[in-house]
Protein backbone atom coordinates (compact mmCIF):
# COMPACT_ATOMS: atom_id res chain seq x y z
CA MET A 1 96.42 82.89 76.39
CA LYS A 2 93.01 83.94 75.12
CA ILE A 3 91.85 87.18 76.75
CA VAL A 4 88.34 88.56 76.26
CA ILE A 5 87.68 92.27 76.82
CA ILE A 6 84.04 92.78 77.82
CA LEU A 7 82.52 96.10 76.74
CA PRO A 8 79.01 96.66 78.19
CA THR A 9 77.01 99.17 76.17
CA TYR A 10 73.71 100.99 76.25
CA ASN A 11 73.38 103.97 73.92
CA GLU A 12 77.15 104.14 73.40
CA ARG A 13 77.19 104.40 69.59
CA VAL A 14 79.36 107.52 69.52
CA ASN A 15 81.86 106.09 72.00
CA ILE A 16 82.00 102.64 70.43
CA GLN A 17 82.71 104.23 67.03
CA LYS A 18 85.93 105.62 68.49
CA LEU A 19 86.87 102.93 71.00
CA ILE A 20 87.01 99.80 68.87
CA PRO A 21 89.36 101.25 66.20
CA ILE A 22 91.66 102.52 68.97
CA LEU A 23 91.76 99.06 70.53
CA GLU A 24 92.29 97.21 67.25
CA GLU A 25 94.76 99.58 65.60
CA LYS A 26 96.71 101.12 68.48
CA VAL A 27 96.41 98.97 71.61
CA PHE A 28 96.30 95.34 70.50
CA PRO A 29 99.48 95.56 68.36
CA LYS A 30 101.37 96.33 71.60
CA ILE A 31 100.26 93.04 73.18
CA LYS A 32 102.44 90.05 72.34
CA ASN A 33 101.90 86.32 72.90
CA HIS A 34 98.18 86.64 73.66
CA ASP A 35 95.01 86.18 71.62
CA ILE A 36 92.89 89.27 72.33
CA HIS A 37 89.15 89.37 71.63
CA ILE A 38 86.40 91.95 72.13
CA LEU A 39 82.94 91.03 73.38
CA VAL A 40 80.39 93.85 73.18
CA VAL A 41 77.46 93.18 75.50
CA ASP A 42 74.69 95.47 74.31
CA ASP A 43 71.36 95.90 76.09
CA ASN A 44 69.44 96.44 72.83
CA SER A 45 70.48 100.09 72.56
CA PRO A 46 68.00 102.12 70.50
CA ASP A 47 70.74 104.46 69.24
CA GLY A 48 72.29 102.04 66.75
CA THR A 49 75.17 100.77 68.89
CA GLN A 50 74.81 97.18 67.71
CA GLU A 51 74.77 98.24 64.05
CA GLU A 52 78.11 99.98 64.57
CA VAL A 53 79.51 96.84 66.18
CA ARG A 54 78.33 94.65 63.30
CA THR A 55 80.13 96.96 60.89
CA PHE A 56 83.35 96.47 62.83
CA MET A 57 82.77 92.70 62.96
CA GLN A 58 83.05 92.63 59.16
CA LYS A 59 86.48 94.25 59.41
CA TRP A 60 87.91 92.46 62.46
CA GLU A 61 87.21 88.79 63.18
CA ASN A 62 88.06 89.00 66.89
CA ILE A 63 84.88 90.94 67.74
CA GLU A 64 81.67 89.32 68.97
CA LEU A 65 78.30 90.85 69.89
CA LEU A 66 76.00 89.60 72.64
CA LEU A 67 72.52 91.10 72.90
CA GLY A 68 70.15 91.10 75.87
CA GLU A 69 67.59 93.05 77.81
CA LYS A 70 68.54 96.09 79.90
CA GLU A 71 68.76 94.74 83.45
CA GLY A 72 71.71 96.66 84.85
CA LEU A 73 75.47 96.93 84.51
CA GLY A 74 76.12 93.88 86.66
CA ALA A 75 73.64 91.75 84.74
CA ALA A 76 75.32 92.75 81.47
CA TYR A 77 78.75 91.81 82.79
CA VAL A 78 77.49 88.45 84.08
CA ARG A 79 76.07 87.60 80.65
CA GLY A 80 79.34 88.64 79.12
CA MET A 81 81.44 86.63 81.57
CA HIS A 82 79.45 83.46 80.97
CA TYR A 83 79.73 83.91 77.21
CA ALA A 84 83.42 84.79 77.35
CA MET A 85 84.30 81.72 79.41
CA ASP A 86 81.83 79.14 78.03
CA LYS A 87 81.42 80.08 74.37
CA MET A 88 84.63 81.95 73.60
CA LYS A 89 86.77 79.77 75.91
CA GLY A 90 88.57 82.80 77.34
CA ASP A 91 91.38 82.14 79.80
CA ALA A 92 90.96 85.61 81.31
CA VAL A 93 88.43 88.42 81.06
CA ILE A 94 88.87 92.17 81.31
CA GLU A 95 86.07 94.44 82.50
CA PHE A 96 86.31 97.72 80.62
CA ASP A 97 84.01 100.75 80.38
CA SER A 98 82.91 101.72 76.88
CA ASP A 99 82.69 105.44 77.61
CA PHE A 100 86.41 106.35 77.76
CA GLN A 101 86.42 106.71 81.52
CA HIS A 102 89.07 104.01 81.29
CA ASP A 103 92.17 104.59 79.18
CA PRO A 104 92.55 101.90 76.47
CA ASN A 105 96.33 102.11 76.96
CA ASP A 106 95.91 100.63 80.44
CA ILE A 107 94.92 97.26 78.97
CA PRO A 108 98.51 96.20 78.14
CA VAL A 109 99.51 97.23 81.68
CA LEU A 110 96.94 94.86 83.18
CA ILE A 111 98.09 92.03 80.92
CA THR A 112 101.74 92.64 81.81
CA ALA A 113 100.85 92.36 85.50
CA MET A 114 99.20 89.02 84.76
CA ASP A 115 102.27 87.87 82.82
CA ASN A 116 104.31 88.72 85.91
CA GLY A 117 102.31 86.28 88.01
CA ALA A 118 99.05 87.97 89.03
CA ASP A 119 95.75 86.09 88.91
CA TYR A 120 93.65 89.17 89.58
CA VAL A 121 94.67 92.63 88.37
CA ILE A 122 92.85 95.76 89.54
CA GLY A 123 93.20 99.16 87.92
CA SER A 124 93.38 101.39 90.96
CA ARG A 125 92.62 105.09 91.26
CA TYR A 126 93.90 105.20 94.82
CA VAL A 127 97.48 103.95 94.56
CA LYS A 128 100.49 106.08 93.72
CA GLY A 129 100.17 107.21 90.10
CA GLY A 130 96.39 106.76 90.00
CA ALA A 131 93.84 109.57 89.95
CA ILE A 132 90.15 110.42 89.85
CA PRO A 133 88.64 113.07 87.55
CA LYS A 134 89.60 116.64 88.37
CA GLU A 135 86.02 117.60 87.46
CA TRP A 136 84.58 115.64 90.38
CA ARG A 137 83.08 117.83 93.06
CA LEU A 138 84.02 117.39 96.70
CA HIS A 139 80.87 115.44 97.62
CA ARG A 140 81.49 112.88 94.87
CA LYS A 141 85.09 112.40 96.00
CA ILE A 142 83.92 111.91 99.58
CA ILE A 143 81.22 109.42 98.57
CA SER A 144 83.72 107.43 96.49
CA ARG A 145 86.25 107.17 99.32
CA LEU A 146 83.66 106.53 102.04
CA GLY A 147 82.03 103.78 99.99
CA GLY A 148 85.37 102.09 99.51
CA LEU A 149 86.32 102.52 103.17
CA PHE A 150 82.99 101.05 104.30
CA ALA A 151 83.61 97.97 102.12
CA GLN A 152 87.22 97.65 103.32
CA ILE A 153 86.19 97.75 106.97
CA LEU A 154 83.24 95.36 106.84
CA LEU A 155 84.82 92.92 104.38
CA TRP A 156 88.22 93.32 106.02
CA THR A 157 89.97 93.75 102.66
CA TRP A 158 92.66 96.25 103.58
CA SER A 159 95.06 95.00 100.91
CA ILE A 160 92.83 96.42 98.15
CA HIS A 161 92.99 100.19 97.79
CA ASP A 162 90.23 100.60 95.17
CA MET A 163 87.26 98.40 96.05
CA THR A 164 84.94 99.80 93.37
CA SER A 165 87.25 99.96 90.37
CA GLY A 166 85.54 99.01 87.13
CA LEU A 167 88.76 98.07 85.34
CA LYS A 168 89.92 94.55 86.19
CA LEU A 169 91.52 91.48 84.69
CA THR A 170 90.45 88.15 86.18
CA LYS A 171 91.69 84.71 85.27
CA SER A 172 88.79 82.44 84.34
CA SER A 173 90.00 79.76 86.76
CA PHE A 174 89.07 82.12 89.61
CA LEU A 175 85.98 83.68 88.03
CA ARG A 176 84.41 80.25 87.42
CA LYS A 177 84.33 79.65 91.17
CA VAL A 178 82.17 82.73 91.73
CA ASP A 179 78.41 82.08 91.70
CA LEU A 180 77.72 84.68 89.02
CA ASP A 181 74.04 83.76 88.75
CA HIS A 182 73.34 84.66 92.36
CA LEU A 183 75.15 87.95 92.85
CA TYR A 184 73.49 90.30 95.33
CA SER A 185 73.26 93.10 92.76
CA LYS A 186 72.56 93.40 89.05
CA TYR A 187 73.83 96.94 89.06
CA TYR A 188 76.98 98.86 89.98
CA ALA A 189 77.56 96.92 93.22
CA TYR A 190 78.06 93.62 91.36
CA LYS A 191 81.79 94.40 91.34
CA LEU A 192 81.99 94.35 95.16
CA HIS A 193 80.45 90.87 95.28
CA ILE A 194 82.77 89.46 92.61
CA LEU A 195 85.83 91.09 94.17
CA HIS A 196 84.99 89.66 97.58
CA ASP A 197 84.40 86.12 96.30
CA VAL A 198 87.52 86.18 94.15
CA MET A 199 89.57 87.39 97.12
CA LEU A 200 88.28 84.49 99.24
CA GLN A 201 90.15 82.20 96.83
CA LYS A 202 93.49 83.80 97.79
CA PRO A 203 94.61 84.87 94.30
CA VAL A 204 97.86 86.64 93.56
CA VAL A 205 96.65 90.26 93.33
CA ALA A 206 98.22 93.22 91.59
CA GLU A 207 96.96 96.79 91.69
CA VAL A 208 98.18 98.99 88.86
CA PRO A 209 97.65 102.77 88.87
CA ILE A 210 95.08 104.17 86.45
CA ILE A 211 93.71 107.62 85.76
CA PHE A 212 89.93 107.58 85.77
CA TYR A 213 88.43 110.16 83.41
CA GLU A 214 85.10 111.98 83.30
CA ARG A 215 83.04 110.73 80.38
CA LYS A 216 82.91 113.09 77.39
CA GLU A 217 80.00 111.59 75.43
CA GLY A 218 76.62 110.38 76.71
CA SER A 219 75.36 110.41 80.28
CA SER A 220 76.49 108.54 83.39
CA LYS A 221 74.58 105.37 84.26
CA ILE A 222 75.41 105.62 87.99
CA THR A 223 72.66 106.95 90.28
CA GLY A 224 72.24 107.64 93.98
CA LYS A 225 70.52 104.27 94.25
CA ASP A 226 73.83 102.59 93.40
CA LEU A 227 75.45 103.99 96.54
CA PHE A 228 72.83 102.45 98.82
CA ASP A 229 72.90 99.25 96.75
CA SER A 230 76.64 99.02 97.40
CA PHE A 231 76.18 99.40 101.16
CA TRP A 232 73.46 96.74 101.12
CA VAL A 233 75.63 94.29 99.13
CA VAL A 234 78.54 94.76 101.54
CA LEU A 235 76.27 94.15 104.54
CA ARG A 236 74.80 91.00 102.97
CA LEU A 237 78.25 89.65 102.18
CA LYS A 238 79.36 90.27 105.73
CA ILE A 239 76.28 88.59 107.14
CA ARG A 240 76.78 85.64 104.82
CA ASP A 241 80.39 85.18 105.79
CA SER A 242 80.37 85.78 109.49
CA LYS A 243 78.10 84.61 112.27
CA ARG A 244 79.84 87.09 114.50
CA ALA A 245 78.78 89.89 112.17
CA ILE A 246 75.14 88.80 112.56
CA LYS A 247 75.51 89.03 116.32
CA PHE A 248 77.27 92.36 115.95
CA LEU A 249 74.46 93.81 113.82
CA PHE A 250 71.84 92.48 116.25
CA VAL A 251 73.68 94.14 119.11
CA GLY A 252 73.89 97.30 117.00
CA GLY A 253 70.12 97.22 116.48
CA THR A 254 69.57 96.82 120.20
CA GLY A 255 71.99 99.65 120.83
CA PHE A 256 70.07 101.84 118.39
CA ILE A 257 66.84 101.27 120.33
CA VAL A 258 68.64 102.08 123.58
CA GLN A 259 70.19 105.17 122.00
CA VAL A 260 66.97 106.63 120.59
CA THR A 261 65.06 105.88 123.79
CA THR A 262 67.71 107.57 125.93
CA GLN A 263 68.07 110.47 123.51
CA GLU A 264 64.35 111.24 123.48
CA ALA A 265 64.03 110.71 127.24
CA THR A 266 66.81 113.20 128.01
CA ILE A 267 65.33 115.75 125.61
CA HIS A 268 61.73 115.49 126.81
CA SER A 269 62.63 115.22 130.51
CA GLY A 270 64.68 118.41 130.39
CA ILE A 271 68.03 116.78 131.21
CA SER A 272 69.64 117.97 127.98
CA ILE A 273 68.18 121.47 128.55
CA PHE A 274 69.80 121.49 132.00
CA PHE A 275 73.25 120.93 130.51
CA THR A 276 72.53 123.41 127.73
CA ASN A 277 71.61 126.13 130.22
CA ILE A 278 74.98 125.65 131.91
CA LEU A 279 76.67 126.36 128.58
CA VAL A 280 74.38 129.37 128.03
CA ASN A 281 75.29 130.80 131.44
CA PHE A 282 78.94 130.74 130.43
CA ASN A 283 78.07 132.37 127.07
CA LEU A 284 79.34 129.31 125.21
CA VAL A 285 76.22 128.76 123.10
CA LYS A 286 73.16 130.71 121.97
CA ASP A 287 70.96 128.28 120.02
CA VAL A 288 69.34 126.44 122.94
CA THR A 289 67.15 124.03 120.96
CA SER A 290 69.76 122.69 118.52
CA VAL A 291 72.43 122.41 121.22
CA SER A 292 69.97 120.69 123.57
CA HIS A 293 69.13 118.11 120.90
CA SER A 294 72.83 117.69 120.14
CA ILE A 295 73.55 116.98 123.81
CA GLY A 296 70.63 114.54 123.86
CA ALA A 297 72.15 112.75 120.86
CA GLY A 298 75.49 112.55 122.68
CA LEU A 299 73.91 111.11 125.83
CA GLY A 300 71.97 108.63 123.70
CA ALA A 301 75.18 107.61 121.94
CA GLU A 302 76.91 107.06 125.30
CA SER A 303 74.08 104.80 126.48
CA ALA A 304 74.36 102.80 123.25
CA ILE A 305 78.13 102.47 123.75
CA ILE A 306 77.62 101.00 127.22
CA SER A 307 74.88 98.66 125.96
CA ASN A 308 76.93 97.54 122.97
CA PHE A 309 80.03 96.91 125.06
CA LEU A 310 78.19 94.73 127.56
CA LEU A 311 76.39 92.65 124.92
CA ASN A 312 79.44 92.28 122.71
CA ASN A 313 81.68 91.43 125.67
CA PHE A 314 79.45 88.65 126.98
CA TRP A 315 77.94 87.41 123.70
CA THR A 316 79.37 88.52 120.33
CA PHE A 317 83.02 88.21 121.30
CA ASN A 318 82.66 85.68 124.11
CA ASP A 319 84.96 83.30 122.22
CA ALA A 320 87.87 85.74 122.28
CA ARG A 321 90.84 83.92 123.68
CA LYS A 322 93.57 84.98 126.07
CA LEU A 323 91.58 88.05 127.13
CA LYS A 324 92.57 87.71 130.76
CA GLU A 325 96.20 87.69 129.73
CA LYS A 326 95.76 91.05 128.03
CA SER A 327 93.41 93.06 130.25
CA ASN A 328 90.47 92.73 132.63
CA PHE A 329 86.86 93.64 132.01
CA PHE A 330 87.02 97.16 133.47
CA VAL A 331 90.16 98.05 131.54
CA ARG A 332 88.48 96.97 128.30
CA ALA A 333 85.34 98.92 129.21
CA ILE A 334 87.29 102.12 129.85
CA LYS A 335 89.41 101.59 126.74
CA PHE A 336 86.34 101.08 124.56
CA ASN A 337 84.53 104.09 125.97
CA LEU A 338 87.55 106.29 125.33
CA ALA A 339 87.98 104.86 121.83
CA SER A 340 84.29 105.50 121.13
CA LEU A 341 84.36 109.18 122.01
CA GLY A 342 84.62 109.82 118.29
CA SER A 343 81.20 108.27 117.66
CA ILE A 344 79.63 110.48 120.34
CA PHE A 345 81.21 113.54 118.76
CA ILE A 346 80.17 112.49 115.24
CA GLN A 347 76.52 111.99 116.18
CA SER A 348 76.29 115.16 118.26
CA ILE A 349 77.77 117.26 115.47
CA ALA A 350 75.59 115.55 112.85
CA VAL A 351 72.42 116.49 114.77
CA LEU A 352 73.65 120.04 115.37
CA ILE A 353 74.55 120.63 111.71
CA ALA A 354 71.34 119.02 110.44
CA GLU A 355 69.10 121.14 112.66
CA LYS A 356 71.06 124.28 111.78
CA SER A 357 70.57 123.44 108.10
CA PHE A 358 67.02 122.05 107.99
CA GLY A 359 65.39 123.14 111.23
CA GLU A 360 63.92 121.07 114.05
CA ASN A 361 61.74 119.04 111.66
CA ILE A 362 62.28 117.85 108.11
CA LEU A 363 59.77 116.84 105.42
CA LEU A 364 60.43 113.25 104.36
CA PHE A 365 58.02 111.18 102.26
CA SER A 366 55.25 113.73 102.95
CA TYR A 367 55.74 113.46 106.73
CA GLN A 368 57.20 116.01 109.14
CA LEU A 369 59.81 114.09 111.13
CA PRO A 370 62.26 115.23 113.81
CA THR A 371 65.50 116.08 112.04
CA ARG A 372 67.54 114.57 114.88
CA LEU A 373 65.98 111.14 114.26
CA VAL A 374 66.27 111.31 110.47
CA VAL A 375 69.96 112.22 110.48
CA ILE A 376 71.03 109.78 113.17
CA ILE A 377 70.22 106.66 111.09
CA PRO A 378 72.54 107.34 108.10
CA THR A 379 75.18 108.68 110.51
CA ILE A 380 75.19 105.39 112.40
CA ILE A 381 75.22 103.29 109.21
CA LEU A 382 77.95 105.25 107.44
CA PHE A 383 80.23 106.09 110.34
CA VAL A 384 79.43 104.55 113.71
CA ILE A 385 78.95 100.87 112.75
CA PRO A 386 82.21 100.66 110.74
CA LEU A 387 84.07 102.60 113.45
CA ASN A 388 82.76 100.36 116.24
CA TYR A 389 83.50 97.15 114.37
CA PHE A 390 87.05 98.34 113.77
CA ILE A 391 87.45 99.26 117.44
CA TYR A 392 86.17 95.89 118.65
CA ASN A 393 88.43 93.88 116.34
CA VAL A 394 91.59 95.96 116.52
CA VAL A 395 91.47 97.94 119.76
CA ILE A 396 89.51 95.89 122.28
CA TRP A 397 89.77 92.31 121.11
CA LYS A 398 92.63 92.17 118.64
CA THR A 399 91.85 90.01 115.67
CA GLN A 400 94.70 87.61 116.31
CA TYR A 401 93.11 86.58 119.61
CA LEU A 402 89.75 85.93 117.98
CA ARG A 403 90.92 83.52 115.33
CA LYS A 404 90.58 79.91 116.33
CA LYS A 405 93.69 77.84 115.87
CA THR A 406 93.52 75.27 113.13
CA THR A 407 95.58 72.15 112.94
């Protein structure tokens, strides 16, 4: 089988000097019964990366160089995948970082998994034996896991432990069925789109443990924009695949309006102050303003929960079958409200912490905005929407009762 290893590069001269000899002299000799090729996809690096590659091409005939404009990591991989399958006639492609964040010795492991029957092999940091860099700070670890969890929940891909792994082997027969020219991202999030569309084809999947390393040379290409891009790609995929998800998001938007309206009404009418004063009288709190806004956020969240339940019950999930056999309307309402207590707690605490940290107002895009409104939006997107969707599918209307029978 012909396997093409795609190495995307931009200003990776120092790393490519070391990586290619390691692959050719130490890794490839371990791989038997396969024709292994390297495809370097360089975005016209100004540091001399392509000159280094051309030097290696004179020594090893299994190396090819593909040049293009710098449009993003995903765009580079797409160019490489087309070239690997159409020009090089590769039977499988391997996505591999050029900066030594991936261990070259993991390549034979991926190929062995394919030889054992897998169509799609993922190098996973989050299975037994895998690891992320020890140098990563807590916030980066949290972002990595939350991003993966968000994708797992919305795309309902619980069988995959590492949704954003950059080390994969994919058989061309599956990759050809992915519309590579219309991916929702040209950047880091491309991998979520490809993974999702490959998984829709029901491949035999294997996850092998890998240790992901901190890069030693050069600078990371990943930015904060990539995190939001990933969330946006996941949402678009969900909307594309599920009419129910569109309804769910519409209901969520309506719930957000209800929540903010109720939150601000309780704060400005003095209702939240009333409850805060009760806590003050019992010496339970001292910061009246922050606690009052936190209570307002909680009351707003409760109003959204009621609104969302009613709309989802009679519209989004109105096709759920055998509901009467399981429970009546009031039982489901109570069950959902109890299950959603976590979202009330999350939003109340988020407002309290944010106002303790930044004050009652925060400067954003040259405007002074209420901190409670600024923090509530990312809190809902990152935590409440995934939590509620999980609760609706698994707790209230179990997925098996939502699936229509096919004959």
